[in-house]
Amino acid sequence: MRQRETLIEFPCDFPLKIMGAADDGFAQAVVEVVLKHAPDFNAASIGMRPSKAGNYLSLTCTVRAVSQQQLDALYRELTSHPMVKVVL
């Protein structure tokens, strides 16, 4: 019997929380990366929440994930982006 590589059943809606400095262009940069990996992503669905002091911005992007490889590639590109501090 072959073990499953992931506990996630695909396709599924998968929320990603991306945090970075509240700079101009941060949200647009994140949307560009997400769209590369999930072309059907609706940018209007992003949840945005500033930090208490307003220095950071948390974005919640829910993508329609079709594979673990897709999520891994998206996560890798987001975490390597210079404007992104944390991806959960």
C-alpha atoms as a PDB file:
ATOM      1  CA  MET A   1       0.000   0.000   0.000  1.00  0.00           C
ATOM      2  CA  ARG A   2       1.385   3.390  -1.025  1.00  0.00           C
ATOM      3  CA  GLN A   3       1.378   6.173   1.564  1.00  0.00           C
ATOM      4  CA  ARG A   4      -0.155   9.494   0.608  1.00  0.00           C
ATOM      5  CA  GLU A   5       2.292  12.351   0.257  1.00  0.00           C
ATOM      6  CA  THR A   6      -0.108  14.830   1.824  1.00  0.00           C
ATOM      7  CA  LEU A   7      -3.155  14.890   4.078  1.00  0.00           C
ATOM      8  CA  ILE A   8      -4.784  17.540   1.911  1.00  0.00           C
ATOM      9  CA  GLU A   9      -7.367  16.357  -0.601  1.00  0.00           C
ATOM     10  CA  PHE A  10      -7.086  18.167  -3.922  1.00  0.00           C
ATOM     11  CA  PRO A  11      -8.591  20.221  -5.410  1.00  0.00           C
ATOM     12  CA  CYS A  12      -9.427  22.416  -2.419  1.00  0.00           C
ATOM     13  CA  ASP A  13      -9.635  26.032  -1.320  1.00  0.00           C
ATOM     14  CA  PHE A  14      -6.411  26.744   0.561  1.00  0.00           C
ATOM     15  CA  PRO A  15      -5.915  29.971   2.552  1.00  0.00           C
ATOM     16  CA  LEU A  16      -2.440  31.508   2.707  1.00  0.00           C
ATOM     17  CA  LYS A  17      -1.582  34.303   5.118  1.00  0.00           C
ATOM     18  CA  ILE A  18       1.202  36.514   3.790  1.00  0.00           C
ATOM     19  CA  MET A  19       2.754  39.248   5.913  1.00  0.00           C
ATOM     20  CA  GLY A  20       5.051  42.072   4.956  1.00  0.00           C
ATOM     21  CA  ALA A  21       5.796  45.742   5.478  1.00  0.00           C
ATOM     22  CA  ALA A  22       2.863  48.021   4.669  1.00  0.00           C
ATOM     23  CA  ASP A  23       4.688  49.472   1.652  1.00  0.00           C
ATOM     24  CA  ASP A  24       3.181  50.657  -1.598  1.00  0.00           C
ATOM     25  CA  GLY A  25       3.143  47.756  -3.991  1.00  0.00           C
ATOM     26  CA  PHE A  26       3.211  44.941  -1.406  1.00  0.00           C
ATOM     27  CA  ALA A  27      -0.307  43.682  -2.140  1.00  0.00           C
ATOM     28  CA  GLN A  28       0.219  43.978  -5.906  1.00  0.00           C
ATOM     29  CA  ALA A  29       3.512  42.061  -5.707  1.00  0.00           C
ATOM     30  CA  VAL A  30       1.814  39.262  -3.757  1.00  0.00           C
ATOM     31  CA  VAL A  31      -1.081  39.105  -6.240  1.00  0.00           C
ATOM     32  CA  GLU A  32       1.372  38.793  -9.151  1.00  0.00           C
ATOM     33  CA  VAL A  33       3.121  35.827  -7.505  1.00  0.00           C
ATOM     34  CA  VAL A  34      -0.151  34.123  -6.557  1.00  0.00           C
ATOM     35  CA  LEU A  35      -1.571  34.520 -10.076  1.00  0.00           C
ATOM     36  CA  LYS A  36       1.519  32.847 -11.553  1.00  0.00           C
ATOM     37  CA  HIS A  37       0.727  29.684  -9.607  1.00  0.00           C
ATOM     38  CA  ALA A  38      -3.074  29.955  -9.428  1.00  0.00           C
ATOM     39  CA  PRO A  39      -4.269  31.747 -12.593  1.00  0.00           C
ATOM     40  CA  ASP A  40      -7.918  31.539 -11.497  1.00  0.00           C
ATOM     41  CA  PHE A  41      -7.211  33.454  -8.255  1.00  0.00           C
ATOM     42  CA  ASN A  42      -9.610  36.355  -7.712  1.00  0.00           C
ATOM     43  CA  ALA A  43      -7.564  39.306  -6.424  1.00  0.00           C
ATOM     44  CA  ALA A  44     -10.760  41.000  -5.198  1.00  0.00           C
ATOM     45  CA  SER A  45     -11.132  38.212  -2.603  1.00  0.00           C
ATOM     46  CA  ILE A  46      -7.964  39.154  -0.673  1.00  0.00           C
ATOM     47  CA  GLY A  47      -8.436  39.905   2.999  1.00  0.00           C
ATOM     48  CA  MET A  48      -6.213  42.763   4.215  1.00  0.00           C
ATOM     49  CA  ARG A  49      -5.445  43.572   7.805  1.00  0.00           C
ATOM     50  CA  PRO A  50      -2.935  46.193   8.960  1.00  0.00           C
ATOM     51  CA  SER A  51      -0.936  45.727  12.160  1.00  0.00           C
ATOM     52  CA  LYS A  52      -1.874  47.810  15.187  1.00  0.00           C
ATOM     53  CA  ALA A  53       0.800  50.413  14.465  1.00  0.00           C
ATOM     54  CA  GLY A  54       0.190  50.208  10.704  1.00  0.00           C
ATOM     55  CA  ASN A  55       3.764  49.184   9.887  1.00  0.00           C
ATOM     56  CA  TYR A  56       2.837  45.722   8.560  1.00  0.00           C
ATOM     57  CA  LEU A  57       0.084  44.307   6.410  1.00  0.00           C
ATOM     58  CA  SER A  58      -1.355  40.803   6.556  1.00  0.00           C
ATOM     59  CA  LEU A  59      -2.961  39.469   3.387  1.00  0.00           C
ATOM     60  CA  THR A  60      -5.138  36.372   3.279  1.00  0.00           C
ATOM     61  CA  CYS A  61      -5.258  34.818  -0.176  1.00  0.00           C
ATOM     62  CA  THR A  62      -7.442  31.754  -0.667  1.00  0.00           C
ATOM     63  CA  VAL A  63      -6.368  29.826  -3.749  1.00  0.00           C
ATOM     64  CA  ARG A  64      -7.969  26.848  -5.457  1.00  0.00           C
ATOM     65  CA  ALA A  65      -5.140  24.370  -4.944  1.00  0.00           C
ATOM     66  CA  VAL A  66      -4.917  21.486  -7.379  1.00  0.00           C
ATOM     67  CA  SER A  67      -1.745  19.757  -6.120  1.00  0.00           C
ATOM     68  CA  GLN A  68       0.873  19.705  -3.384  1.00  0.00           C
ATOM     69  CA  GLN A  69       3.477  20.667  -6.003  1.00  0.00           C
ATOM     70  CA  GLN A  70       1.491  23.814  -6.850  1.00  0.00           C
ATOM     71  CA  LEU A  71       1.297  24.841  -3.178  1.00  0.00           C
ATOM     72  CA  ASP A  72       4.990  24.097  -2.613  1.00  0.00           C
ATOM     73  CA  ALA A  73       6.038  26.206  -5.612  1.00  0.00           C
ATOM     74  CA  LEU A  74       3.766  29.073  -4.542  1.00  0.00           C
ATOM     75  CA  TYR A  75       5.077  28.943  -0.970  1.00  0.00           C
ATOM     76  CA  ARG A  76       8.708  28.878  -2.168  1.00  0.00           C
ATOM     77  CA  GLU A  77       8.246  31.894  -4.435  1.00  0.00           C
ATOM     78  CA  LEU A  78       6.359  33.892  -1.803  1.00  0.00           C
ATOM     79  CA  THR A  79       8.913  33.205   0.950  1.00  0.00           C
ATOM     80  CA  SER A  80      11.795  34.190  -1.337  1.00  0.00           C
ATOM     81  CA  HIS A  81      10.175  37.505  -2.348  1.00  0.00           C
ATOM     82  CA  PRO A  82      12.015  40.468  -0.783  1.00  0.00           C
ATOM     83  CA  MET A  83       8.806  42.220   0.325  1.00  0.00           C
ATOM     84  CA  VAL A  84       7.406  39.149   2.126  1.00  0.00           C
ATOM     85  CA  LYS A  85       8.352  38.576   5.763  1.00  0.00           C
ATOM     86  CA  VAL A  86       6.222  35.514   6.673  1.00  0.00           C
ATOM     87  CA  VAL A  87       3.946  33.032   4.891  1.00  0.00           C
ATOM     88  CA  LEU A  88       1.610  30.800   6.896  1.00  0.00           C
END
